[in-house]
Amino acid sequence: MAGCSTTYGIGVELTERYANIVADALNLPLSLLACSGASNTWAADQILRSNVNPGDTVIMGLTTYGRAPIIHNNQLIHLAPNTFTILSNLPSDVTPDYLLSDTRLYESLTSIKQVNNFCSKAGARLLLIGIHANIEISAVLANDPNYIMFHGKYGTNFNDGWLDFGNDNLHPGPKTHQMYANLILEKLKELES
């Protein structure tokens, strides 16, 4: 599993995290490649560096293309819109407009397509889940049989499809993680037939 804070399980106990529920249901070990604030490009890079084998199941939780990994003060920073209020002295070319640029959308979609190609060549099963994916990403992936949109009833607000909130009141709660797990398991079963 790769993705951002929701995939990591911020706001829920580890046993309530959708990644753990799915791994337990499939009786498979879990490799978690997730980080709070992570971008699709970062998550894709984690998968592309992994030892993916034939028959493996790879699940990538997609987020907004408005996130980017950058180096700031000699550290990797997961840049997101809220980062601009937290960090100071960012490079002048790193602006909120940059995050929502066509360039970021292109980089994000390219990363997703690279993961798709990598998993196909490795003989692994890939499932892309739109946890916080923008409508632009969903529009491109809508006809991909390996894609599920989770991020909202109509692809707008990412939390309008949540059943509950986590203990931090910022992330989905245990009922939502269970719903995600159920949808993933249903989709995997559908892909097998």
N, C-alpha and C. Protein backbone atom coordinates (compact mmCIF):
# COMPACT_ATOMS: atom_id res chain seq x y z
N MET A 1 0.85 -1.18 0.00
CA MET A 1 0.00 0.00 0.00
C MET A 1 0.88 1.23 0.00
N ALA A 2 0.54 2.18 -0.83
CA ALA A 2 1.27 3.44 -0.87
C ALA A 2 0.26 4.58 -0.87
N GLY A 3 0.66 5.70 -0.28
CA GLY A 3 -0.24 6.84 -0.27
C GLY A 3 0.14 7.88 0.75
N CYS A 4 -0.86 8.65 1.16
CA CYS A 4 -0.64 9.77 2.07
C CYS A 4 -1.13 9.43 3.48
N SER A 5 -1.52 10.44 4.23
CA SER A 5 -1.87 10.26 5.64
C SER A 5 -3.06 9.33 5.86
N THR A 6 -4.01 9.33 4.95
CA THR A 6 -5.16 8.43 5.11
C THR A 6 -4.71 6.98 4.97
N THR A 7 -3.87 6.71 4.00
CA THR A 7 -3.33 5.36 3.85
C THR A 7 -2.46 5.00 5.05
N TYR A 8 -1.71 5.97 5.54
CA TYR A 8 -0.87 5.75 6.73
C TYR A 8 -1.73 5.44 7.96
N GLY A 9 -2.95 5.98 7.98
CA GLY A 9 -3.87 5.71 9.08
C GLY A 9 -3.91 6.79 10.15
N ILE A 10 -3.56 8.02 9.79
CA ILE A 10 -3.67 9.12 10.75
C ILE A 10 -5.13 9.24 11.17
N GLY A 11 -5.38 9.31 12.46
CA GLY A 11 -6.73 9.48 12.97
C GLY A 11 -7.43 8.20 13.39
N VAL A 12 -6.80 7.04 13.11
CA VAL A 12 -7.40 5.76 13.52
C VAL A 12 -6.31 4.87 14.12
N GLU A 13 -6.75 3.84 14.83
CA GLU A 13 -5.82 2.83 15.35
C GLU A 13 -5.32 1.98 14.19
N LEU A 14 -4.15 1.38 14.33
CA LEU A 14 -3.59 0.58 13.24
C LEU A 14 -4.53 -0.54 12.81
N THR A 15 -5.22 -1.15 13.76
CA THR A 15 -6.13 -2.24 13.43
C THR A 15 -7.37 -1.73 12.68
N GLU A 16 -7.63 -0.42 12.74
CA GLU A 16 -8.78 0.17 12.06
C GLU A 16 -8.42 0.71 10.67
N ARG A 17 -7.14 0.77 10.36
CA ARG A 17 -6.65 1.34 9.10
C ARG A 17 -7.05 0.42 7.95
N TYR A 18 -7.55 1.01 6.85
CA TYR A 18 -8.01 0.19 5.73
C TYR A 18 -6.91 -0.72 5.20
N ALA A 19 -5.67 -0.27 5.23
CA ALA A 19 -4.56 -1.09 4.73
C ALA A 19 -4.44 -2.39 5.54
N ASN A 20 -4.54 -2.29 6.85
CA ASN A 20 -4.46 -3.47 7.70
C ASN A 20 -5.66 -4.38 7.50
N ILE A 21 -6.84 -3.80 7.37
CA ILE A 21 -8.06 -4.60 7.20
C ILE A 21 -7.97 -5.41 5.90
N VAL A 22 -7.52 -4.76 4.83
CA VAL A 22 -7.40 -5.45 3.54
C VAL A 22 -6.33 -6.54 3.61
N ALA A 23 -5.17 -6.22 4.15
CA ALA A 23 -4.09 -7.22 4.25
C ALA A 23 -4.54 -8.42 5.07
N ASP A 24 -5.24 -8.17 6.18
CA ASP A 24 -5.74 -9.28 7.00
C ASP A 24 -6.75 -10.13 6.24
N ALA A 25 -7.67 -9.46 5.53
CA ALA A 25 -8.70 -10.19 4.79
C ALA A 25 -8.10 -11.04 3.67
N LEU A 26 -7.01 -10.55 3.07
CA LEU A 26 -6.35 -11.29 1.99
C LEU A 26 -5.30 -12.26 2.51
N ASN A 27 -5.07 -12.21 3.84
CA ASN A 27 -4.04 -13.04 4.48
C ASN A 27 -2.68 -12.82 3.83
N LEU A 28 -2.36 -11.53 3.64
CA LEU A 28 -1.09 -11.13 3.03
C LEU A 28 -0.33 -10.22 3.98
N PRO A 29 1.00 -10.26 3.93
CA PRO A 29 1.78 -9.30 4.73
C PRO A 29 1.59 -7.90 4.14
N LEU A 30 1.70 -6.89 4.98
CA LEU A 30 1.50 -5.51 4.57
C LEU A 30 2.83 -4.79 4.51
N SER A 31 3.13 -4.20 3.35
CA SER A 31 4.23 -3.25 3.22
C SER A 31 3.58 -1.89 3.06
N LEU A 32 3.81 -1.01 4.01
CA LEU A 32 3.15 0.30 4.00
C LEU A 32 4.15 1.36 3.57
N LEU A 33 3.89 1.97 2.43
CA LEU A 33 4.73 3.02 1.87
C LEU A 33 3.89 4.29 1.85
N ALA A 34 3.64 4.84 3.02
CA ALA A 34 2.76 6.00 3.13
C ALA A 34 3.36 7.01 4.11
N CYS A 35 3.00 8.26 3.88
CA CYS A 35 3.53 9.33 4.71
C CYS A 35 2.54 10.49 4.69
N SER A 36 2.38 11.14 5.81
CA SER A 36 1.48 12.28 5.90
C SER A 36 1.89 13.37 4.92
N GLY A 37 0.94 13.84 4.13
CA GLY A 37 1.19 14.91 3.17
C GLY A 37 1.84 14.45 1.87
N ALA A 38 2.03 13.15 1.72
CA ALA A 38 2.73 12.64 0.54
C ALA A 38 1.97 12.94 -0.75
N SER A 39 2.73 13.10 -1.81
CA SER A 39 2.18 13.34 -3.14
C SER A 39 2.09 12.03 -3.91
N ASN A 40 1.39 12.08 -5.03
CA ASN A 40 1.34 10.91 -5.91
C ASN A 40 2.73 10.59 -6.48
N THR A 41 3.51 11.63 -6.75
CA THR A 41 4.86 11.39 -7.28
C THR A 41 5.74 10.70 -6.25
N TRP A 42 5.61 11.08 -4.98
CA TRP A 42 6.40 10.43 -3.92
C TRP A 42 5.95 8.99 -3.74
N ALA A 43 4.62 8.77 -3.68
CA ALA A 43 4.10 7.42 -3.50
C ALA A 43 4.50 6.52 -4.67
N ALA A 44 4.43 7.06 -5.87
CA ALA A 44 4.84 6.29 -7.05
C ALA A 44 6.31 5.92 -6.96
N ASP A 45 7.14 6.86 -6.54
CA ASP A 45 8.57 6.59 -6.40
C ASP A 45 8.82 5.46 -5.41
N GLN A 46 8.06 5.42 -4.33
CA GLN A 46 8.22 4.36 -3.34
C GLN A 46 7.89 2.99 -3.95
N ILE A 47 6.82 2.94 -4.74
CA ILE A 47 6.45 1.68 -5.39
C ILE A 47 7.51 1.28 -6.41
N LEU A 48 7.96 2.24 -7.22
CA LEU A 48 8.93 1.95 -8.27
C LEU A 48 10.27 1.47 -7.72
N ARG A 49 10.57 1.81 -6.47
CA ARG A 49 11.81 1.35 -5.83
C ARG A 49 11.62 0.01 -5.12
N SER A 50 10.40 -0.47 -5.05
CA SER A 50 10.08 -1.66 -4.26
C SER A 50 10.36 -2.94 -5.03
N ASN A 51 10.46 -4.00 -4.27
CA ASN A 51 10.65 -5.33 -4.82
C ASN A 51 9.27 -5.94 -5.07
N VAL A 52 8.66 -5.56 -6.18
CA VAL A 52 7.33 -6.05 -6.54
C VAL A 52 7.51 -7.30 -7.39
N ASN A 53 6.83 -8.37 -6.99
CA ASN A 53 6.98 -9.67 -7.64
C ASN A 53 5.69 -10.10 -8.34
N PRO A 54 5.79 -11.05 -9.26
CA PRO A 54 4.58 -11.56 -9.90
C PRO A 54 3.59 -12.06 -8.84
N GLY A 55 2.33 -11.72 -9.02
CA GLY A 55 1.29 -12.14 -8.08
C GLY A 55 1.08 -11.21 -6.91
N ASP A 56 1.97 -10.23 -6.72
CA ASP A 56 1.78 -9.26 -5.63
C ASP A 56 0.57 -8.38 -5.91
N THR A 57 -0.01 -7.85 -4.86
CA THR A 57 -1.09 -6.88 -4.96
C THR A 57 -0.54 -5.54 -4.51
N VAL A 58 -0.64 -4.54 -5.39
CA VAL A 58 -0.18 -3.19 -5.09
C VAL A 58 -1.40 -2.27 -5.08
N ILE A 59 -1.57 -1.54 -4.00
CA ILE A 59 -2.68 -0.60 -3.88
C ILE A 59 -2.10 0.78 -3.65
N MET A 60 -2.45 1.71 -4.54
CA MET A 60 -1.94 3.08 -4.45
C MET A 60 -3.09 4.01 -4.14
N GLY A 61 -3.03 4.63 -2.96
CA GLY A 61 -4.01 5.63 -2.56
C GLY A 61 -3.65 6.96 -3.19
N LEU A 62 -4.46 7.42 -4.13
CA LEU A 62 -4.17 8.65 -4.85
C LEU A 62 -4.66 9.87 -4.09
N THR A 63 -3.88 10.92 -4.16
CA THR A 63 -4.21 12.17 -3.51
C THR A 63 -4.28 13.29 -4.55
N THR A 64 -4.43 14.49 -4.10
CA THR A 64 -4.47 15.64 -5.00
C THR A 64 -3.14 15.83 -5.72
N TYR A 65 -3.19 16.30 -6.94
CA TYR A 65 -1.94 16.61 -7.64
C TYR A 65 -1.31 17.88 -7.08
N GLY A 66 -2.01 18.58 -6.20
CA GLY A 66 -1.51 19.80 -5.59
C GLY A 66 -0.58 19.55 -4.41
N ARG A 67 0.16 18.48 -4.46
CA ARG A 67 1.19 18.17 -3.47
C ARG A 67 2.47 17.83 -4.23
N ALA A 68 3.60 18.16 -3.63
CA ALA A 68 4.86 17.89 -4.31
C ALA A 68 5.98 17.67 -3.30
N PRO A 69 6.87 16.75 -3.59
CA PRO A 69 8.06 16.60 -2.75
C PRO A 69 9.10 17.64 -3.16
N ILE A 70 9.63 18.36 -2.19
CA ILE A 70 10.71 19.31 -2.48
C ILE A 70 11.78 19.17 -1.39
N ILE A 71 12.96 19.65 -1.71
CA ILE A 71 14.03 19.70 -0.71
C ILE A 71 14.05 21.13 -0.15
N HIS A 72 13.92 21.25 1.15
CA HIS A 72 13.91 22.54 1.83
C HIS A 72 14.80 22.42 3.06
N ASN A 73 15.81 23.29 3.15
CA ASN A 73 16.77 23.24 4.25
C ASN A 73 17.37 21.84 4.41
N ASN A 74 17.75 21.26 3.27
CA ASN A 74 18.39 19.95 3.22
C ASN A 74 17.51 18.80 3.72
N GLN A 75 16.20 18.99 3.69
CA GLN A 75 15.27 17.94 4.10
C GLN A 75 14.18 17.77 3.05
N LEU A 76 13.71 16.54 2.89
CA LEU A 76 12.57 16.29 2.02
C LEU A 76 11.32 16.80 2.73
N ILE A 77 10.59 17.65 2.06
CA ILE A 77 9.34 18.19 2.59
C ILE A 77 8.21 17.77 1.66
N HIS A 78 7.11 17.35 2.23
CA HIS A 78 5.92 17.04 1.44
C HIS A 78 5.11 18.33 1.39
N LEU A 79 5.24 19.03 0.29
CA LEU A 79 4.62 20.34 0.12
C LEU A 79 3.16 20.19 -0.24
N ALA A 80 2.32 20.85 0.52
CA ALA A 80 0.88 20.88 0.29
C ALA A 80 0.41 22.31 0.52
N PRO A 81 -0.80 22.65 0.13
CA PRO A 81 -1.25 24.03 0.31
C PRO A 81 -1.09 24.56 1.74
N ASN A 82 -1.34 23.74 2.75
CA ASN A 82 -1.20 24.21 4.13
C ASN A 82 0.25 24.43 4.54
N THR A 83 1.19 23.88 3.77
CA THR A 83 2.61 24.02 4.09
C THR A 83 3.05 25.48 4.03
N PHE A 84 2.40 26.25 3.18
CA PHE A 84 2.81 27.64 3.00
C PHE A 84 2.57 28.47 4.26
N THR A 85 1.65 28.04 5.10
CA THR A 85 1.42 28.76 6.36
C THR A 85 2.32 28.26 7.48
N ILE A 86 2.98 27.13 7.27
CA ILE A 86 3.83 26.53 8.29
C ILE A 86 5.30 26.84 8.06
N LEU A 87 5.74 26.75 6.80
CA LEU A 87 7.16 26.92 6.48
C LEU A 87 7.49 28.35 6.08
N SER A 88 8.69 28.75 6.35
CA SER A 88 9.17 30.05 5.89
C SER A 88 10.37 29.85 4.98
N ASN A 89 10.71 30.88 4.25
CA ASN A 89 11.88 30.87 3.36
C ASN A 89 11.82 29.81 2.27
N LEU A 90 10.64 29.54 1.75
CA LEU A 90 10.54 28.63 0.62
C LEU A 90 11.13 29.29 -0.61
N PRO A 91 11.66 28.51 -1.55
CA PRO A 91 12.18 29.10 -2.78
C PRO A 91 11.10 29.94 -3.48
N SER A 92 11.51 31.00 -4.14
CA SER A 92 10.56 31.94 -4.74
C SER A 92 9.70 31.31 -5.84
N ASP A 93 10.22 30.25 -6.48
CA ASP A 93 9.44 29.61 -7.54
C ASP A 93 8.44 28.58 -7.01
N VAL A 94 8.44 28.34 -5.71
CA VAL A 94 7.49 27.41 -5.10
C VAL A 94 6.36 28.23 -4.48
N THR A 95 5.25 28.27 -5.21
CA THR A 95 4.10 29.08 -4.80
C THR A 95 2.86 28.20 -4.77
N PRO A 96 1.79 28.68 -4.13
CA PRO A 96 0.53 27.91 -4.18
C PRO A 96 0.06 27.68 -5.62
N ASP A 97 0.29 28.64 -6.49
CA ASP A 97 -0.09 28.46 -7.90
C ASP A 97 0.66 27.30 -8.55
N TYR A 98 1.91 27.12 -8.16
CA TYR A 98 2.71 26.01 -8.70
C TYR A 98 2.04 24.67 -8.37
N LEU A 99 1.54 24.54 -7.14
CA LEU A 99 0.94 23.26 -6.74
C LEU A 99 -0.27 22.89 -7.59
N LEU A 100 -1.02 23.87 -8.02
CA LEU A 100 -2.23 23.58 -8.81
C LEU A 100 -2.02 23.84 -10.29
N SER A 101 -0.77 23.75 -10.72
CA SER A 101 -0.45 24.00 -12.13
C SER A 101 -0.68 22.75 -12.98
N ASP A 102 -0.77 22.99 -14.29
CA ASP A 102 -0.86 21.87 -15.23
C ASP A 102 0.39 21.00 -15.16
N THR A 103 1.52 21.61 -14.82
CA THR A 103 2.76 20.84 -14.67
C THR A 103 2.62 19.81 -13.56
N ARG A 104 2.08 20.20 -12.41
CA ARG A 104 1.89 19.25 -11.31
C ARG A 104 0.90 18.15 -11.71
N LEU A 105 -0.17 18.52 -12.42
CA LEU A 105 -1.12 17.51 -12.87
C LEU A 105 -0.42 16.52 -13.80
N TYR A 106 0.36 17.02 -14.74
CA TYR A 106 1.09 16.16 -15.67
C TYR A 106 2.05 15.24 -14.90
N GLU A 107 2.82 15.79 -13.96
CA GLU A 107 3.77 14.97 -13.20
C GLU A 107 3.05 13.89 -12.40
N SER A 108 1.93 14.24 -11.82
CA SER A 108 1.17 13.28 -11.02
C SER A 108 0.63 12.15 -11.90
N LEU A 109 0.02 12.51 -13.02
CA LEU A 109 -0.53 11.49 -13.92
C LEU A 109 0.57 10.63 -14.52
N THR A 110 1.70 11.23 -14.85
CA THR A 110 2.82 10.46 -15.38
C THR A 110 3.30 9.44 -14.35
N SER A 111 3.39 9.85 -13.10
CA SER A 111 3.81 8.93 -12.03
C SER A 111 2.85 7.76 -11.89
N ILE A 112 1.56 8.05 -11.96
CA ILE A 112 0.55 7.00 -11.84
C ILE A 112 0.67 6.02 -13.02
N LYS A 113 0.86 6.55 -14.22
CA LYS A 113 1.01 5.70 -15.41
C LYS A 113 2.29 4.86 -15.31
N GLN A 114 3.36 5.42 -14.73
CA GLN A 114 4.60 4.66 -14.55
C GLN A 114 4.37 3.47 -13.61
N VAL A 115 3.62 3.70 -12.54
CA VAL A 115 3.30 2.61 -11.60
C VAL A 115 2.47 1.54 -12.31
N ASN A 116 1.51 1.97 -13.10
CA ASN A 116 0.67 1.03 -13.84
C ASN A 116 1.54 0.16 -14.76
N ASN A 117 2.45 0.78 -15.49
CA ASN A 117 3.34 0.06 -16.39
C ASN A 117 4.28 -0.88 -15.62
N PHE A 118 4.83 -0.37 -14.52
CA PHE A 118 5.75 -1.16 -13.70
C PHE A 118 5.06 -2.42 -13.15
N CYS A 119 3.87 -2.25 -12.60
CA CYS A 119 3.15 -3.39 -12.04
C CYS A 119 2.77 -4.39 -13.13
N SER A 120 2.39 -3.88 -14.28
CA SER A 120 2.04 -4.76 -15.40
C SER A 120 3.24 -5.61 -15.81
N LYS A 121 4.39 -4.98 -15.94
CA LYS A 121 5.60 -5.71 -16.34
C LYS A 121 6.07 -6.67 -15.25
N ALA A 122 5.82 -6.32 -13.98
CA ALA A 122 6.22 -7.19 -12.87
C ALA A 122 5.24 -8.34 -12.67
N GLY A 123 4.07 -8.26 -13.31
CA GLY A 123 3.06 -9.29 -13.13
C GLY A 123 2.30 -9.14 -11.83
N ALA A 124 2.24 -7.91 -11.32
CA ALA A 124 1.52 -7.63 -10.08
C ALA A 124 0.15 -7.03 -10.38
N ARG A 125 -0.76 -7.26 -9.47
CA ARG A 125 -2.11 -6.70 -9.58
C ARG A 125 -2.08 -5.31 -8.96
N LEU A 126 -2.57 -4.30 -9.69
CA LEU A 126 -2.57 -2.91 -9.22
C LEU A 126 -4.00 -2.42 -9.06
N LEU A 127 -4.24 -1.75 -7.93
CA LEU A 127 -5.51 -1.08 -7.71
C LEU A 127 -5.21 0.36 -7.32
N LEU A 128 -5.80 1.29 -8.05
CA LEU A 128 -5.65 2.72 -7.78
C LEU A 128 -6.92 3.20 -7.11
N ILE A 129 -6.77 3.82 -5.94
CA ILE A 129 -7.95 4.28 -5.22
C ILE A 129 -7.86 5.79 -5.01
N GLY A 130 -8.87 6.49 -5.46
CA GLY A 130 -8.90 7.96 -5.39
C GLY A 130 -9.35 8.43 -4.03
N ILE A 131 -8.45 8.39 -3.06
CA ILE A 131 -8.79 8.82 -1.70
C ILE A 131 -9.02 10.31 -1.64
N HIS A 132 -8.05 11.08 -2.12
CA HIS A 132 -8.17 12.54 -2.16
C HIS A 132 -7.84 13.06 -3.55
N ALA A 133 -8.06 12.24 -4.56
CA ALA A 133 -7.71 12.60 -5.92
C ALA A 133 -8.59 13.74 -6.44
N ASN A 134 -7.98 14.65 -7.18
CA ASN A 134 -8.73 15.73 -7.82
C ASN A 134 -9.63 15.16 -8.90
N ILE A 135 -10.63 15.93 -9.26
CA ILE A 135 -11.54 15.52 -10.32
C ILE A 135 -10.79 15.35 -11.63
N GLU A 136 -9.72 16.13 -11.85
CA GLU A 136 -8.94 16.01 -13.08
C GLU A 136 -8.27 14.64 -13.16
N ILE A 137 -7.77 14.14 -12.04
CA ILE A 137 -7.15 12.81 -12.02
C ILE A 137 -8.22 11.75 -12.25
N SER A 138 -9.35 11.90 -11.58
CA SER A 138 -10.43 10.93 -11.74
C SER A 138 -10.95 10.90 -13.17
N ALA A 139 -11.01 12.05 -13.81
CA ALA A 139 -11.50 12.10 -15.20
C ALA A 139 -10.59 11.29 -16.12
N VAL A 140 -9.28 11.38 -15.91
CA VAL A 140 -8.34 10.63 -16.74
C VAL A 140 -8.43 9.13 -16.45
N LEU A 141 -8.63 8.77 -15.18
CA LEU A 141 -8.62 7.36 -14.78
C LEU A 141 -10.00 6.70 -14.78
N ALA A 142 -11.04 7.46 -15.07
CA ALA A 142 -12.42 6.97 -14.92
C ALA A 142 -12.67 5.64 -15.63
N ASN A 143 -12.08 5.43 -16.79
CA ASN A 143 -12.32 4.21 -17.55
C ASN A 143 -11.30 3.11 -17.27
N ASP A 144 -10.38 3.38 -16.36
CA ASP A 144 -9.38 2.37 -15.99
C ASP A 144 -10.06 1.35 -15.09
N PRO A 145 -10.07 0.07 -15.48
CA PRO A 145 -10.76 -0.93 -14.65
C PRO A 145 -10.13 -1.13 -13.28
N ASN A 146 -8.92 -0.62 -13.07
CA ASN A 146 -8.24 -0.77 -11.79
C ASN A 146 -8.40 0.46 -10.90
N TYR A 147 -9.33 1.35 -11.22
CA TYR A 147 -9.50 2.60 -10.46
C TYR A 147 -10.84 2.63 -9.74
N ILE A 148 -10.80 3.07 -8.48
CA ILE A 148 -12.01 3.31 -7.69
C ILE A 148 -11.93 4.73 -7.16
N MET A 149 -13.00 5.51 -7.31
CA MET A 149 -13.05 6.85 -6.75
C MET A 149 -13.64 6.79 -5.34
N PHE A 150 -12.86 7.20 -4.35
CA PHE A 150 -13.32 7.22 -2.96
C PHE A 150 -13.56 8.63 -2.44
N HIS A 151 -13.02 9.62 -3.12
CA HIS A 151 -12.83 10.93 -2.52
C HIS A 151 -14.05 11.81 -2.39
N GLY A 152 -15.20 11.39 -2.73
CA GLY A 152 -16.38 12.21 -2.54
C GLY A 152 -17.51 11.73 -3.42
N LYS A 153 -18.70 12.09 -3.05
CA LYS A 153 -19.88 11.63 -3.77
C LYS A 153 -19.84 12.05 -5.24
N TYR A 154 -19.40 13.26 -5.49
CA TYR A 154 -19.40 13.78 -6.86
C TYR A 154 -18.02 14.23 -7.29
N GLY A 155 -16.99 13.80 -6.59
CA GLY A 155 -15.64 14.16 -6.97
C GLY A 155 -15.25 15.56 -6.57
N THR A 156 -15.96 16.12 -5.60
CA THR A 156 -15.66 17.49 -5.18
C THR A 156 -14.93 17.45 -3.85
N ASN A 157 -15.62 17.71 -2.76
CA ASN A 157 -14.98 17.74 -1.44
C ASN A 157 -14.58 16.34 -1.02
N PHE A 158 -13.32 16.20 -0.62
CA PHE A 158 -12.82 14.86 -0.33
C PHE A 158 -13.52 14.22 0.85
N ASN A 159 -14.08 14.99 1.77
CA ASN A 159 -14.68 14.38 2.95
C ASN A 159 -16.20 14.26 2.86
N ASP A 160 -16.82 14.62 1.75
CA ASP A 160 -18.28 14.51 1.69
C ASP A 160 -18.75 13.07 1.57
N GLY A 161 -17.84 12.15 1.37
CA GLY A 161 -18.21 10.74 1.32
C GLY A 161 -17.79 9.97 2.56
N TRP A 162 -17.25 10.65 3.57
CA TRP A 162 -16.82 9.97 4.78
C TRP A 162 -18.02 9.61 5.64
N LEU A 163 -17.94 8.49 6.31
CA LEU A 163 -18.99 8.09 7.26
C LEU A 163 -18.74 8.66 8.64
N ASP A 164 -17.46 8.93 8.95
CA ASP A 164 -17.10 9.48 10.25
C ASP A 164 -15.73 10.14 10.16
N PHE A 165 -15.35 10.83 11.21
CA PHE A 165 -14.05 11.47 11.29
C PHE A 165 -13.18 10.71 12.29
N GLY A 166 -11.86 10.77 12.04
CA GLY A 166 -10.91 10.14 12.94
C GLY A 166 -10.76 10.93 14.23
N ASN A 167 -9.90 10.42 15.12
CA ASN A 167 -9.73 11.05 16.43
C ASN A 167 -9.04 12.41 16.35
N ASP A 168 -8.56 12.81 15.17
CA ASP A 168 -7.96 14.14 15.00
C ASP A 168 -8.93 15.12 14.34
N ASN A 169 -10.12 14.66 13.99
CA ASN A 169 -11.16 15.46 13.32
C ASN A 169 -10.71 16.04 11.97
N LEU A 170 -9.66 15.47 11.38
CA LEU A 170 -9.16 15.93 10.08
C LEU A 170 -9.10 14.82 9.04
N HIS A 171 -9.15 13.59 9.49
CA HIS A 171 -8.99 12.43 8.62
C HIS A 171 -10.20 11.51 8.79
N PRO A 172 -10.40 10.59 7.85
CA PRO A 172 -11.52 9.66 7.98
C PRO A 172 -11.37 8.75 9.20
N GLY A 173 -12.50 8.38 9.76
CA GLY A 173 -12.53 7.54 10.95
C GLY A 173 -12.64 6.06 10.63
N PRO A 174 -12.81 5.24 11.68
CA PRO A 174 -12.82 3.79 11.51
C PRO A 174 -13.94 3.26 10.60
N LYS A 175 -15.11 3.85 10.65
CA LYS A 175 -16.20 3.40 9.77
C LYS A 175 -15.86 3.66 8.31
N THR A 176 -15.24 4.79 8.05
CA THR A 176 -14.85 5.12 6.68
C THR A 176 -13.73 4.19 6.21
N HIS A 177 -12.75 3.91 7.07
CA HIS A 177 -11.69 2.97 6.71
C HIS A 177 -12.27 1.59 6.42
N GLN A 178 -13.25 1.15 7.20
CA GLN A 178 -13.90 -0.13 6.94
C GLN A 178 -14.60 -0.11 5.59
N MET A 179 -15.29 1.00 5.29
CA MET A 179 -15.95 1.15 3.99
C MET A 179 -14.92 1.06 2.86
N TYR A 180 -13.78 1.78 3.02
CA TYR A 180 -12.73 1.72 2.00
C TYR A 180 -12.25 0.28 1.82
N ALA A 181 -12.00 -0.42 2.92
CA ALA A 181 -11.53 -1.80 2.85
C ALA A 181 -12.54 -2.68 2.11
N ASN A 182 -13.82 -2.53 2.44
CA ASN A 182 -14.85 -3.32 1.79
C ASN A 182 -14.88 -3.06 0.28
N LEU A 183 -14.77 -1.78 -0.11
CA LEU A 183 -14.79 -1.44 -1.54
C LEU A 183 -13.55 -2.00 -2.26
N ILE A 184 -12.41 -1.94 -1.60
CA ILE A 184 -11.18 -2.50 -2.18
C ILE A 184 -11.33 -4.00 -2.37
N LEU A 185 -11.81 -4.70 -1.34
CA LEU A 185 -11.96 -6.15 -1.43
C LEU A 185 -12.96 -6.55 -2.50
N GLU A 186 -14.06 -5.79 -2.63
CA GLU A 186 -15.03 -6.06 -3.67
C GLU A 186 -14.41 -5.86 -5.05
N LYS A 187 -13.65 -4.78 -5.21
CA LYS A 187 -13.03 -4.49 -6.50
C LYS A 187 -11.99 -5.56 -6.86
N LEU A 188 -11.20 -5.99 -5.89
CA LEU A 188 -10.22 -7.05 -6.15
C LEU A 188 -10.90 -8.34 -6.57
N LYS A 189 -12.01 -8.66 -5.94
CA LYS A 189 -12.76 -9.87 -6.30
C LYS A 189 -13.31 -9.73 -7.72
N GLU A 190 -13.81 -8.53 -8.04
CA GLU A 190 -14.33 -8.27 -9.38
C GLU A 190 -13.23 -8.42 -10.44
N LEU A 191 -12.04 -7.93 -10.14
CA LEU A 191 -10.93 -8.01 -11.08
C LEU A 191 -10.45 -9.43 -11.30
N GLU A 192 -10.66 -10.30 -10.31
CA GLU A 192 -10.26 -11.71 -10.44
C GLU A 192 -11.16 -12.47 -11.39
N SER A 193 -12.42 -12.03 -11.49
CA SER A 193 -13.37 -12.81 -12.31
C SER A 193 -13.33 -12.42 -13.77
